[in-house]
Amino acid sequence: MADDDALFQKGMPIRREALGPEYVDASMARADEFMMSFQRATTAWAWGWAWGDRTLDRKTRSLMNLAMLTALNRAPEIKLHVKGALNNGVTVEEIKAALLHATAYCGIPAGLDAFRAAHEVLVSEGALGKP
């Protein structure tokens, strides 16, 4: 458990920088005892352990996440990680290229859902003009 706490402490600032403190703080505040187990696990494992490894930079990790989330067809998570990608310095063109690459391997339906999710966030964040 001490290792998990250390990873949690390492992961929280990374998570807040990537996803935004408002989102992370709200997630933590909403978590009851049951959901706090998940919050602690995702912060320790995903953010402390995976994102905390300095082998890959955050921009690369963001692009990887977008491709993997496209493969998993997880539009709500794509929305979250598009905003995170922007926070990590990923350009709109790079997001588009990652989603096109994922579409080639994951199929048109998964790619379409990913593009729709990304487009919604890019417009709401002011990275794209309104259609």
N, C-alpha and C. Protein backbone atom coordinates (compact mmCIF):
# COMPACT_ATOMS: atom_id res chain seq x y z
N MET A 1 0.82 -1.19 0.00
CA MET A 1 0.00 0.00 0.00
C MET A 1 0.86 1.26 0.00
N ALA A 2 2.01 1.21 0.63
CA ALA A 2 2.89 2.39 0.64
C ALA A 2 3.34 2.74 -0.77
N ASP A 3 3.61 1.72 -1.59
CA ASP A 3 3.99 1.98 -2.98
C ASP A 3 2.85 2.64 -3.73
N ASP A 4 1.61 2.16 -3.52
CA ASP A 4 0.46 2.78 -4.18
C ASP A 4 0.29 4.22 -3.73
N ASP A 5 0.52 4.51 -2.44
CA ASP A 5 0.39 5.88 -1.97
C ASP A 5 1.46 6.78 -2.62
N ALA A 6 2.66 6.25 -2.74
CA ALA A 6 3.73 7.03 -3.39
C ALA A 6 3.37 7.30 -4.85
N LEU A 7 2.83 6.30 -5.54
CA LEU A 7 2.42 6.48 -6.93
C LEU A 7 1.24 7.44 -7.03
N PHE A 8 0.33 7.37 -6.06
CA PHE A 8 -0.80 8.30 -6.03
C PHE A 8 -0.28 9.74 -5.90
N GLN A 9 0.64 9.95 -4.98
CA GLN A 9 1.22 11.29 -4.77
C GLN A 9 1.98 11.76 -6.01
N LYS A 10 2.65 10.85 -6.68
CA LYS A 10 3.36 11.19 -7.91
C LYS A 10 2.39 11.48 -9.05
N GLY A 11 1.31 10.72 -9.11
CA GLY A 11 0.37 10.83 -10.22
C GLY A 11 -0.58 12.00 -10.16
N MET A 12 -0.93 12.45 -8.96
CA MET A 12 -1.93 13.51 -8.85
C MET A 12 -1.53 14.80 -9.57
N PRO A 13 -0.31 15.31 -9.39
CA PRO A 13 0.02 16.53 -10.14
C PRO A 13 0.07 16.32 -11.65
N ILE A 14 0.49 15.15 -12.10
CA ILE A 14 0.51 14.85 -13.53
C ILE A 14 -0.91 14.83 -14.07
N ARG A 15 -1.79 14.16 -13.35
CA ARG A 15 -3.20 14.07 -13.75
C ARG A 15 -3.83 15.46 -13.81
N ARG A 16 -3.56 16.29 -12.81
CA ARG A 16 -4.13 17.63 -12.77
C ARG A 16 -3.60 18.50 -13.91
N GLU A 17 -2.31 18.36 -14.25
CA GLU A 17 -1.74 19.14 -15.35
C GLU A 17 -2.32 18.72 -16.69
N ALA A 18 -2.48 17.43 -16.89
CA ALA A 18 -2.97 16.93 -18.18
C ALA A 18 -4.47 17.17 -18.36
N LEU A 19 -5.26 16.83 -17.35
CA LEU A 19 -6.72 16.88 -17.50
C LEU A 19 -7.34 18.17 -17.00
N GLY A 20 -6.57 18.95 -16.29
CA GLY A 20 -7.08 20.19 -15.73
C GLY A 20 -7.49 20.00 -14.29
N PRO A 21 -7.09 20.94 -13.43
CA PRO A 21 -7.41 20.79 -12.01
C PRO A 21 -8.91 20.78 -11.72
N GLU A 22 -9.69 21.52 -12.50
CA GLU A 22 -11.13 21.56 -12.26
C GLU A 22 -11.74 20.17 -12.41
N TYR A 23 -11.39 19.49 -13.50
CA TYR A 23 -11.93 18.15 -13.75
C TYR A 23 -11.50 17.18 -12.66
N VAL A 24 -10.20 17.15 -12.36
CA VAL A 24 -9.67 16.19 -11.39
C VAL A 24 -10.23 16.47 -10.00
N ASP A 25 -10.21 17.72 -9.59
CA ASP A 25 -10.71 18.07 -8.26
C ASP A 25 -12.19 17.72 -8.13
N ALA A 26 -12.98 17.94 -9.18
CA ALA A 26 -14.40 17.60 -9.14
C ALA A 26 -14.58 16.08 -9.05
N SER A 27 -13.77 15.33 -9.79
CA SER A 27 -13.85 13.86 -9.72
C SER A 27 -13.54 13.36 -8.31
N MET A 28 -12.53 13.94 -7.72
CA MET A 28 -12.15 13.53 -6.36
C MET A 28 -13.24 13.93 -5.36
N ALA A 29 -13.80 15.11 -5.51
CA ALA A 29 -14.82 15.60 -4.58
C ALA A 29 -16.10 14.77 -4.66
N ARG A 30 -16.45 14.29 -5.86
CA ARG A 30 -17.67 13.49 -6.05
C ARG A 30 -17.52 12.06 -5.55
N ALA A 31 -16.30 11.61 -5.38
CA ALA A 31 -16.06 10.19 -5.05
C ALA A 31 -16.45 9.89 -3.61
N ASP A 32 -17.38 8.95 -3.47
CA ASP A 32 -17.68 8.44 -2.14
C ASP A 32 -16.65 7.36 -1.81
N GLU A 33 -16.80 6.70 -0.69
CA GLU A 33 -15.80 5.71 -0.28
C GLU A 33 -15.62 4.62 -1.34
N PHE A 34 -16.71 4.18 -1.95
CA PHE A 34 -16.65 3.13 -2.97
C PHE A 34 -15.86 3.62 -4.18
N MET A 35 -16.20 4.78 -4.71
CA MET A 35 -15.55 5.29 -5.91
C MET A 35 -14.13 5.80 -5.66
N MET A 36 -13.82 6.15 -4.42
CA MET A 36 -12.48 6.62 -4.12
C MET A 36 -11.45 5.52 -4.38
N SER A 37 -11.85 4.27 -4.25
CA SER A 37 -10.93 3.17 -4.58
C SER A 37 -10.50 3.27 -6.04
N PHE A 38 -11.44 3.56 -6.92
CA PHE A 38 -11.11 3.71 -8.33
C PHE A 38 -10.27 4.96 -8.56
N GLN A 39 -10.63 6.06 -7.93
CA GLN A 39 -9.86 7.30 -8.09
C GLN A 39 -8.41 7.10 -7.67
N ARG A 40 -8.20 6.42 -6.58
CA ARG A 40 -6.85 6.18 -6.10
C ARG A 40 -6.10 5.24 -7.06
N ALA A 41 -6.78 4.21 -7.53
CA ALA A 41 -6.14 3.24 -8.44
C ALA A 41 -5.75 3.91 -9.75
N THR A 42 -6.67 4.65 -10.35
CA THR A 42 -6.36 5.27 -11.64
C THR A 42 -5.28 6.34 -11.50
N THR A 43 -5.30 7.08 -10.40
CA THR A 43 -4.27 8.10 -10.19
C THR A 43 -2.91 7.45 -9.98
N ALA A 44 -2.86 6.38 -9.18
CA ALA A 44 -1.59 5.71 -8.90
C ALA A 44 -1.07 4.97 -10.14
N TRP A 45 -1.91 4.17 -10.75
CA TRP A 45 -1.45 3.29 -11.82
C TRP A 45 -1.28 4.02 -13.15
N ALA A 46 -2.35 4.70 -13.58
CA ALA A 46 -2.28 5.36 -14.89
C ALA A 46 -1.38 6.59 -14.83
N TRP A 47 -1.58 7.43 -13.83
CA TRP A 47 -0.88 8.71 -13.80
C TRP A 47 0.45 8.63 -13.08
N GLY A 48 0.53 7.92 -11.98
CA GLY A 48 1.79 7.81 -11.25
C GLY A 48 2.77 6.86 -11.91
N TRP A 49 2.27 5.67 -12.25
CA TRP A 49 3.14 4.65 -12.81
C TRP A 49 3.36 4.85 -14.31
N ALA A 50 2.29 4.86 -15.10
CA ALA A 50 2.44 4.94 -16.57
C ALA A 50 2.89 6.34 -17.02
N TRP A 51 2.10 7.35 -16.70
CA TRP A 51 2.45 8.71 -17.12
C TRP A 51 3.68 9.24 -16.38
N GLY A 52 3.96 8.71 -15.21
CA GLY A 52 5.11 9.15 -14.43
C GLY A 52 6.44 8.61 -14.91
N ASP A 53 6.39 7.65 -15.82
CA ASP A 53 7.61 7.12 -16.44
C ASP A 53 8.08 8.14 -17.47
N ARG A 54 9.31 8.56 -17.37
CA ARG A 54 9.81 9.64 -18.25
C ARG A 54 10.33 9.15 -19.60
N THR A 55 10.20 7.87 -19.90
CA THR A 55 10.70 7.34 -21.16
C THR A 55 10.02 8.00 -22.36
N LEU A 56 8.71 8.19 -22.26
CA LEU A 56 7.94 8.86 -23.32
C LEU A 56 7.47 10.22 -22.80
N ASP A 57 7.47 11.20 -23.68
CA ASP A 57 6.98 12.52 -23.26
C ASP A 57 5.44 12.53 -23.24
N ARG A 58 4.89 13.53 -22.64
CA ARG A 58 3.44 13.61 -22.47
C ARG A 58 2.70 13.76 -23.80
N LYS A 59 3.30 14.46 -24.72
CA LYS A 59 2.68 14.63 -26.04
C LYS A 59 2.51 13.26 -26.72
N THR A 60 3.55 12.46 -26.68
CA THR A 60 3.49 11.11 -27.27
C THR A 60 2.45 10.27 -26.56
N ARG A 61 2.43 10.34 -25.24
CA ARG A 61 1.44 9.56 -24.47
C ARG A 61 0.01 9.99 -24.82
N SER A 62 -0.20 11.29 -24.99
CA SER A 62 -1.54 11.77 -25.38
C SER A 62 -1.96 11.19 -26.72
N LEU A 63 -1.06 11.20 -27.69
CA LEU A 63 -1.38 10.65 -29.01
C LEU A 63 -1.66 9.15 -28.92
N MET A 64 -0.88 8.44 -28.13
CA MET A 64 -1.12 7.01 -27.92
C MET A 64 -2.49 6.78 -27.30
N ASN A 65 -2.83 7.58 -26.29
CA ASN A 65 -4.13 7.43 -25.64
C ASN A 65 -5.27 7.61 -26.63
N LEU A 66 -5.16 8.63 -27.48
CA LEU A 66 -6.22 8.86 -28.45
C LEU A 66 -6.39 7.67 -29.38
N ALA A 67 -5.28 7.08 -29.82
CA ALA A 67 -5.36 5.91 -30.69
C ALA A 67 -5.96 4.71 -29.96
N MET A 68 -5.50 4.48 -28.72
CA MET A 68 -6.02 3.33 -27.97
C MET A 68 -7.49 3.51 -27.62
N LEU A 69 -7.89 4.71 -27.27
CA LEU A 69 -9.29 4.95 -26.94
C LEU A 69 -10.18 4.85 -28.17
N THR A 70 -9.63 5.19 -29.34
CA THR A 70 -10.36 4.96 -30.58
C THR A 70 -10.58 3.47 -30.79
N ALA A 71 -9.52 2.68 -30.58
CA ALA A 71 -9.63 1.22 -30.73
C ALA A 71 -10.67 0.65 -29.78
N LEU A 72 -10.74 1.20 -28.58
CA LEU A 72 -11.71 0.73 -27.59
C LEU A 72 -13.09 1.34 -27.77
N ASN A 73 -13.20 2.32 -28.68
CA ASN A 73 -14.46 3.01 -28.96
C ASN A 73 -15.04 3.63 -27.69
N ARG A 74 -14.22 4.42 -27.03
CA ARG A 74 -14.58 5.07 -25.76
C ARG A 74 -14.68 6.59 -25.94
N ALA A 75 -15.76 7.03 -26.58
CA ALA A 75 -15.93 8.45 -26.91
C ALA A 75 -15.84 9.37 -25.69
N PRO A 76 -16.46 9.05 -24.56
CA PRO A 76 -16.33 9.98 -23.41
C PRO A 76 -14.88 10.15 -22.96
N GLU A 77 -14.10 9.09 -22.99
CA GLU A 77 -12.69 9.19 -22.62
C GLU A 77 -11.88 9.91 -23.70
N ILE A 78 -12.28 9.74 -24.96
CA ILE A 78 -11.61 10.48 -26.04
C ILE A 78 -11.78 11.97 -25.81
N LYS A 79 -13.00 12.38 -25.44
CA LYS A 79 -13.25 13.80 -25.17
C LYS A 79 -12.32 14.31 -24.07
N LEU A 80 -12.22 13.57 -23.01
CA LEU A 80 -11.36 13.96 -21.89
C LEU A 80 -9.91 14.06 -22.33
N HIS A 81 -9.45 13.08 -23.11
CA HIS A 81 -8.05 13.04 -23.50
C HIS A 81 -7.72 13.96 -24.68
N VAL A 82 -8.71 14.41 -25.45
CA VAL A 82 -8.44 15.46 -26.44
C VAL A 82 -8.11 16.75 -25.70
N LYS A 83 -8.88 17.06 -24.67
CA LYS A 83 -8.57 18.25 -23.88
C LYS A 83 -7.19 18.09 -23.23
N GLY A 84 -6.90 16.90 -22.72
CA GLY A 84 -5.59 16.65 -22.15
C GLY A 84 -4.48 16.77 -23.18
N ALA A 85 -4.74 16.30 -24.39
CA ALA A 85 -3.74 16.41 -25.46
C ALA A 85 -3.43 17.87 -25.75
N LEU A 86 -4.46 18.69 -25.82
CA LEU A 86 -4.23 20.12 -26.03
C LEU A 86 -3.39 20.70 -24.89
N ASN A 87 -3.70 20.30 -23.66
CA ASN A 87 -2.92 20.75 -22.50
C ASN A 87 -1.46 20.29 -22.58
N ASN A 88 -1.24 19.15 -23.25
CA ASN A 88 0.11 18.59 -23.38
C ASN A 88 0.83 19.06 -24.64
N GLY A 89 0.28 20.05 -25.34
CA GLY A 89 0.96 20.63 -26.49
C GLY A 89 0.71 19.95 -27.82
N VAL A 90 -0.26 19.06 -27.88
CA VAL A 90 -0.59 18.39 -29.14
C VAL A 90 -1.41 19.35 -29.98
N THR A 91 -1.07 19.46 -31.26
CA THR A 91 -1.80 20.36 -32.15
C THR A 91 -3.04 19.67 -32.71
N VAL A 92 -3.93 20.48 -33.25
CA VAL A 92 -5.13 19.94 -33.90
C VAL A 92 -4.72 19.01 -35.04
N GLU A 93 -3.73 19.40 -35.82
CA GLU A 93 -3.28 18.56 -36.94
C GLU A 93 -2.73 17.22 -36.44
N GLU A 94 -2.03 17.23 -35.32
CA GLU A 94 -1.50 15.98 -34.76
C GLU A 94 -2.63 15.10 -34.22
N ILE A 95 -3.63 15.72 -33.60
CA ILE A 95 -4.79 14.95 -33.14
C ILE A 95 -5.49 14.31 -34.33
N LYS A 96 -5.68 15.09 -35.38
CA LYS A 96 -6.33 14.56 -36.59
C LYS A 96 -5.53 13.40 -37.18
N ALA A 97 -4.21 13.57 -37.26
CA ALA A 97 -3.36 12.50 -37.81
C ALA A 97 -3.43 11.23 -36.97
N ALA A 98 -3.43 11.38 -35.65
CA ALA A 98 -3.52 10.20 -34.77
C ALA A 98 -4.86 9.50 -34.97
N LEU A 99 -5.93 10.27 -35.08
CA LEU A 99 -7.25 9.66 -35.27
C LEU A 99 -7.39 9.01 -36.64
N LEU A 100 -6.81 9.63 -37.66
CA LEU A 100 -6.83 9.00 -38.99
C LEU A 100 -6.04 7.69 -38.99
N HIS A 101 -4.89 7.70 -38.34
CA HIS A 101 -4.07 6.49 -38.24
C HIS A 101 -4.85 5.39 -37.51
N ALA A 102 -5.49 5.76 -36.40
CA ALA A 102 -6.29 4.78 -35.65
C ALA A 102 -7.46 4.28 -36.49
N THR A 103 -8.08 5.18 -37.26
CA THR A 103 -9.20 4.77 -38.11
C THR A 103 -8.78 3.70 -39.11
N ALA A 104 -7.57 3.85 -39.67
CA ALA A 104 -7.09 2.86 -40.65
C ALA A 104 -6.98 1.47 -40.03
N TYR A 105 -6.65 1.40 -38.76
CA TYR A 105 -6.46 0.11 -38.10
C TYR A 105 -7.68 -0.36 -37.33
N CYS A 106 -8.53 0.58 -36.90
CA CYS A 106 -9.66 0.22 -36.04
C CYS A 106 -11.00 0.19 -36.78
N GLY A 107 -11.05 0.79 -37.96
CA GLY A 107 -12.27 0.78 -38.74
C GLY A 107 -12.99 2.12 -38.74
N ILE A 108 -13.81 2.30 -39.75
CA ILE A 108 -14.53 3.54 -39.96
C ILE A 108 -15.49 3.85 -38.81
N PRO A 109 -16.30 2.91 -38.31
CA PRO A 109 -17.21 3.27 -37.22
C PRO A 109 -16.49 3.79 -35.97
N ALA A 110 -15.41 3.14 -35.58
CA ALA A 110 -14.66 3.60 -34.41
C ALA A 110 -14.02 4.95 -34.69
N GLY A 111 -13.48 5.11 -35.88
CA GLY A 111 -12.88 6.38 -36.26
C GLY A 111 -13.88 7.51 -36.29
N LEU A 112 -15.07 7.24 -36.82
CA LEU A 112 -16.12 8.25 -36.87
C LEU A 112 -16.50 8.72 -35.47
N ASP A 113 -16.69 7.76 -34.57
CA ASP A 113 -17.02 8.14 -33.19
C ASP A 113 -15.90 8.97 -32.57
N ALA A 114 -14.66 8.59 -32.84
CA ALA A 114 -13.51 9.33 -32.29
C ALA A 114 -13.46 10.73 -32.87
N PHE A 115 -13.65 10.86 -34.16
CA PHE A 115 -13.63 12.18 -34.80
C PHE A 115 -14.76 13.07 -34.26
N ARG A 116 -15.94 12.49 -34.09
CA ARG A 116 -17.06 13.28 -33.56
C ARG A 116 -16.76 13.77 -32.14
N ALA A 117 -16.24 12.88 -31.32
CA ALA A 117 -15.91 13.24 -29.94
C ALA A 117 -14.83 14.32 -29.91
N ALA A 118 -13.79 14.11 -30.70
CA ALA A 118 -12.69 15.08 -30.74
C ALA A 118 -13.17 16.42 -31.26
N HIS A 119 -13.97 16.40 -32.31
CA HIS A 119 -14.47 17.64 -32.90
C HIS A 119 -15.25 18.45 -31.88
N GLU A 120 -16.11 17.79 -31.12
CA GLU A 120 -16.90 18.48 -30.10
C GLU A 120 -16.00 19.22 -29.11
N VAL A 121 -14.96 18.56 -28.66
CA VAL A 121 -14.03 19.18 -27.69
C VAL A 121 -13.23 20.28 -28.35
N LEU A 122 -12.72 20.03 -29.55
CA LEU A 122 -11.90 21.04 -30.22
C LEU A 122 -12.68 22.31 -30.47
N VAL A 123 -13.95 22.19 -30.81
CA VAL A 123 -14.80 23.38 -31.00
C VAL A 123 -15.04 24.06 -29.66
N SER A 124 -15.40 23.27 -28.63
CA SER A 124 -15.71 23.90 -27.34
C SER A 124 -14.50 24.54 -26.70
N GLU A 125 -13.30 24.04 -27.01
CA GLU A 125 -12.07 24.61 -26.47
C GLU A 125 -11.54 25.76 -27.33
N GLY A 126 -12.21 26.05 -28.44
CA GLY A 126 -11.79 27.15 -29.30
C GLY A 126 -10.63 26.80 -30.20
N ALA A 127 -10.29 25.53 -30.31
CA ALA A 127 -9.20 25.11 -31.17
C ALA A 127 -9.64 25.02 -32.63
N LEU A 128 -10.93 24.91 -32.86
CA LEU A 128 -11.54 24.89 -34.20
C LEU A 128 -12.68 25.89 -34.22
N GLY A 129 -12.95 26.41 -35.40
CA GLY A 129 -14.12 27.26 -35.54
C GLY A 129 -15.37 26.43 -35.51
N LYS A 130 -16.49 27.05 -35.19
CA LYS A 130 -17.77 26.33 -35.18
C LYS A 130 -18.16 25.98 -36.61
N PRO A 131 -18.74 24.78 -36.77
CA PRO A 131 -19.13 24.35 -38.13
C PRO A 131 -20.22 25.20 -38.73
